[in-house]
Amino acid sequence: MRNMIDYLEAVRDRQNFNSDTDIAHALGIKRSSVSAYRRGIAFPSKKNMLELARLAGVDEQVALVELSFMQAADEETRKVYKSLMEKLTGVASIALMCVLCLSSTPSRAETQGEHIQSHLPKIYIITLKCRHYPETGEEPSKLKQMRVIFGYE
């Protein structure tokens, strides 16, 4: 997970800003507020975090979860947010694989050289097999199979 310094540095790099003053100006806040973010004394509002995410080129949903993780007062709460982040990034990975598979999979009609028009949606079933390797040093989980079924016209 990224921390606040990662976000601020990403904004500086991506936007070619020279200082925290430039970041403060882009957010419409005082430079001392950005300095407090950098030192971990304060955190941006959700609105400002969304703007930091946009400026840094980070997914807004991920940024809000990471902000909540940074603000969590205890380890148990951090674990919950870390688990949520893993689920979010896992879902994004599955969605990306689905898009890639769909963009490269010819329809049955294309593979047989036929021209068929249908009013039914195309339905794709993608089966993914995966194993979770926890960072805690525990044994990996058993192989799990997941099917993603969806259609489009």
Protein backbone atom coordinates (compact mmCIF):
# COMPACT_ATOMS: atom_id res chain seq x y z
CA MET A 1 0.00 0.00 0.00
CA ARG A 2 1.10 3.53 -0.69
CA ASN A 3 1.61 6.06 2.08
CA MET A 4 1.03 9.80 1.95
CA ILE A 5 4.60 10.55 0.91
CA ASP A 6 4.15 8.19 -2.06
CA TYR A 7 1.06 10.14 -3.13
CA LEU A 8 2.74 13.52 -2.76
CA GLU A 9 5.83 12.42 -4.67
CA ALA A 10 3.67 10.87 -7.41
CA VAL A 11 1.79 14.17 -7.78
CA ARG A 12 5.07 16.12 -7.97
CA ASP A 13 6.49 13.75 -10.59
CA ARG A 14 3.35 13.39 -12.70
CA GLN A 15 2.43 17.08 -12.65
CA ASN A 16 6.04 18.35 -12.85
CA PHE A 17 5.58 20.30 -9.63
CA ASN A 18 8.71 21.69 -7.98
CA SER A 19 7.47 21.94 -4.40
CA ASP A 20 4.72 21.23 -1.91
CA THR A 21 3.56 24.80 -2.55
CA ASP A 22 2.57 23.74 -6.07
CA ILE A 23 0.61 20.79 -4.65
CA ALA A 24 -1.08 23.06 -2.11
CA HIS A 25 -2.04 25.49 -4.86
CA ALA A 26 -3.51 22.66 -6.98
CA LEU A 27 -5.58 21.47 -4.00
CA GLY A 28 -6.59 24.98 -2.94
CA ILE A 29 -5.08 24.60 0.54
CA LYS A 30 -2.17 26.06 2.53
CA ARG A 31 1.36 24.74 2.08
CA SER A 32 1.48 24.00 5.81
CA SER A 33 -1.36 21.49 5.31
CA VAL A 34 0.64 19.61 2.66
CA SER A 35 3.64 19.72 4.99
CA ALA A 36 1.51 18.21 7.76
CA TYR A 37 0.41 15.42 5.37
CA ARG A 38 4.04 14.73 4.53
CA ARG A 39 5.03 14.53 8.21
CA GLY A 40 2.04 12.32 9.11
CA ILE A 41 0.62 14.89 11.51
CA ALA A 42 -2.59 15.32 9.51
CA PHE A 43 -4.42 13.66 6.65
CA PRO A 44 -6.27 15.19 3.72
CA SER A 45 -10.04 15.27 3.62
CA LYS A 46 -11.68 12.67 1.40
CA LYS A 47 -12.29 15.40 -1.19
CA ASN A 48 -8.61 16.38 -1.21
CA MET A 49 -7.55 12.72 -1.28
CA LEU A 50 -9.65 12.21 -4.41
CA GLU A 51 -7.93 15.18 -6.01
CA LEU A 52 -4.50 13.87 -4.98
CA ALA A 53 -5.41 10.53 -6.56
CA ARG A 54 -6.42 12.24 -9.82
CA LEU A 55 -3.24 14.29 -9.89
CA ALA A 56 -1.12 11.21 -9.10
CA GLY A 57 -2.92 9.00 -11.62
CA VAL A 58 -4.15 6.58 -8.95
CA ASP A 59 -7.57 4.93 -8.90
CA GLU A 60 -9.85 7.02 -6.68
CA GLN A 61 -11.41 4.05 -4.90
CA VAL A 62 -8.00 2.64 -4.08
CA ALA A 63 -6.91 6.05 -2.78
CA LEU A 64 -9.85 6.27 -0.36
CA VAL A 65 -9.16 2.78 0.99
CA GLU A 66 -5.48 3.66 1.40
CA LEU A 67 -6.42 6.89 3.20
CA SER A 68 -8.59 4.90 5.62
CA PHE A 69 -5.71 2.46 6.13
CA MET A 70 -3.35 5.35 6.94
CA GLN A 71 -5.87 6.85 9.39
CA ALA A 72 -6.60 3.54 11.15
CA ALA A 73 -5.70 3.77 14.82
CA ASP A 74 -5.13 0.07 15.48
CA GLU A 75 -3.65 -2.98 13.78
CA GLU A 76 -6.96 -4.86 13.60
CA THR A 77 -8.55 -2.06 11.57
CA ARG A 78 -5.49 -1.87 9.30
CA LYS A 79 -5.82 -5.60 8.60
CA VAL A 80 -9.43 -5.08 7.53
CA TYR A 81 -8.44 -2.30 5.11
CA LYS A 82 -5.50 -4.33 3.80
CA SER A 83 -7.84 -7.25 3.12
CA LEU A 84 -10.27 -4.92 1.36
CA MET A 85 -7.43 -3.59 -0.79
CA GLU A 86 -6.42 -7.13 -1.77
CA LYS A 87 -10.00 -7.83 -2.78
CA LEU A 88 -10.21 -4.62 -4.80
CA THR A 89 -6.99 -5.32 -6.65
CA GLY A 90 -8.03 -8.95 -7.16
CA VAL A 91 -11.34 -7.91 -8.71
CA ALA A 92 -9.54 -5.42 -10.95
CA SER A 93 -7.15 -8.14 -12.10
CA ILE A 94 -10.01 -10.49 -12.91
CA ALA A 95 -11.83 -7.74 -14.83
CA LEU A 96 -8.68 -6.98 -16.80
CA MET A 97 -8.21 -10.66 -17.68
CA CYS A 98 -11.83 -10.84 -18.82
CA VAL A 99 -11.40 -7.81 -21.06
CA LEU A 100 -8.20 -9.21 -22.53
CA CYS A 101 -9.80 -12.59 -23.16
CA LEU A 102 -12.84 -11.04 -24.80
CA SER A 103 -10.80 -8.79 -27.04
CA SER A 104 -8.73 -11.69 -28.34
CA THR A 105 -11.36 -14.48 -28.51
CA PRO A 106 -13.05 -14.75 -31.90
CA SER A 107 -16.69 -15.76 -31.95
CA ARG A 108 -17.72 -19.20 -33.21
CA ALA A 109 -19.00 -17.64 -36.43
CA GLU A 110 -15.64 -15.95 -37.08
CA THR A 111 -13.68 -19.16 -36.58
CA GLN A 112 -15.91 -21.06 -39.03
CA GLY A 113 -15.99 -18.31 -41.64
CA GLU A 114 -19.76 -17.90 -41.33
CA HIS A 115 -21.79 -14.75 -41.05
CA ILE A 116 -24.45 -15.25 -38.41
CA GLN A 117 -26.61 -12.55 -36.91
CA SER A 118 -28.36 -13.29 -33.66
CA HIS A 119 -30.51 -11.35 -31.26
CA LEU A 120 -29.13 -13.32 -28.32
CA PRO A 121 -26.24 -11.90 -26.31
CA LYS A 122 -22.91 -13.61 -26.52
CA ILE A 123 -22.13 -15.36 -23.27
CA TYR A 124 -18.59 -15.98 -22.10
CA ILE A 125 -17.51 -18.23 -19.27
CA ILE A 126 -13.98 -17.77 -18.03
CA THR A 127 -12.58 -20.20 -15.49
CA LEU A 128 -9.71 -18.99 -13.35
CA LYS A 129 -7.64 -21.22 -11.10
CA CYS A 130 -5.64 -19.48 -8.43
CA ARG A 131 -3.84 -20.03 -5.16
CA HIS A 132 -3.46 -17.38 -2.45
CA TYR A 133 0.05 -16.96 -1.05
CA PRO A 134 -0.23 -14.97 2.19
CA GLU A 135 2.55 -12.57 3.13
CA THR A 136 2.46 -13.86 6.71
CA GLY A 137 4.48 -16.98 5.90
CA GLU A 138 1.48 -19.28 6.24
CA GLU A 139 1.04 -22.19 3.88
CA PRO A 140 -0.58 -21.30 0.56
CA SER A 141 -4.28 -21.99 0.29
CA LYS A 142 -5.67 -24.85 -1.74
CA LEU A 143 -6.11 -24.27 -5.43
CA LYS A 144 -9.41 -22.47 -5.95
CA GLN A 145 -11.42 -22.28 -9.12
CA MET A 146 -13.63 -19.34 -9.97
CA ARG A 147 -15.95 -18.97 -12.92
CA VAL A 148 -16.86 -15.56 -14.26
CA ILE A 149 -19.99 -15.67 -16.39
CA PHE A 150 -21.28 -12.64 -18.26
CA GLY A 151 -22.77 -11.62 -21.55
CA TYR A 152 -22.82 -8.65 -23.85
CA GLU A 153 -24.24 -7.70 -27.21
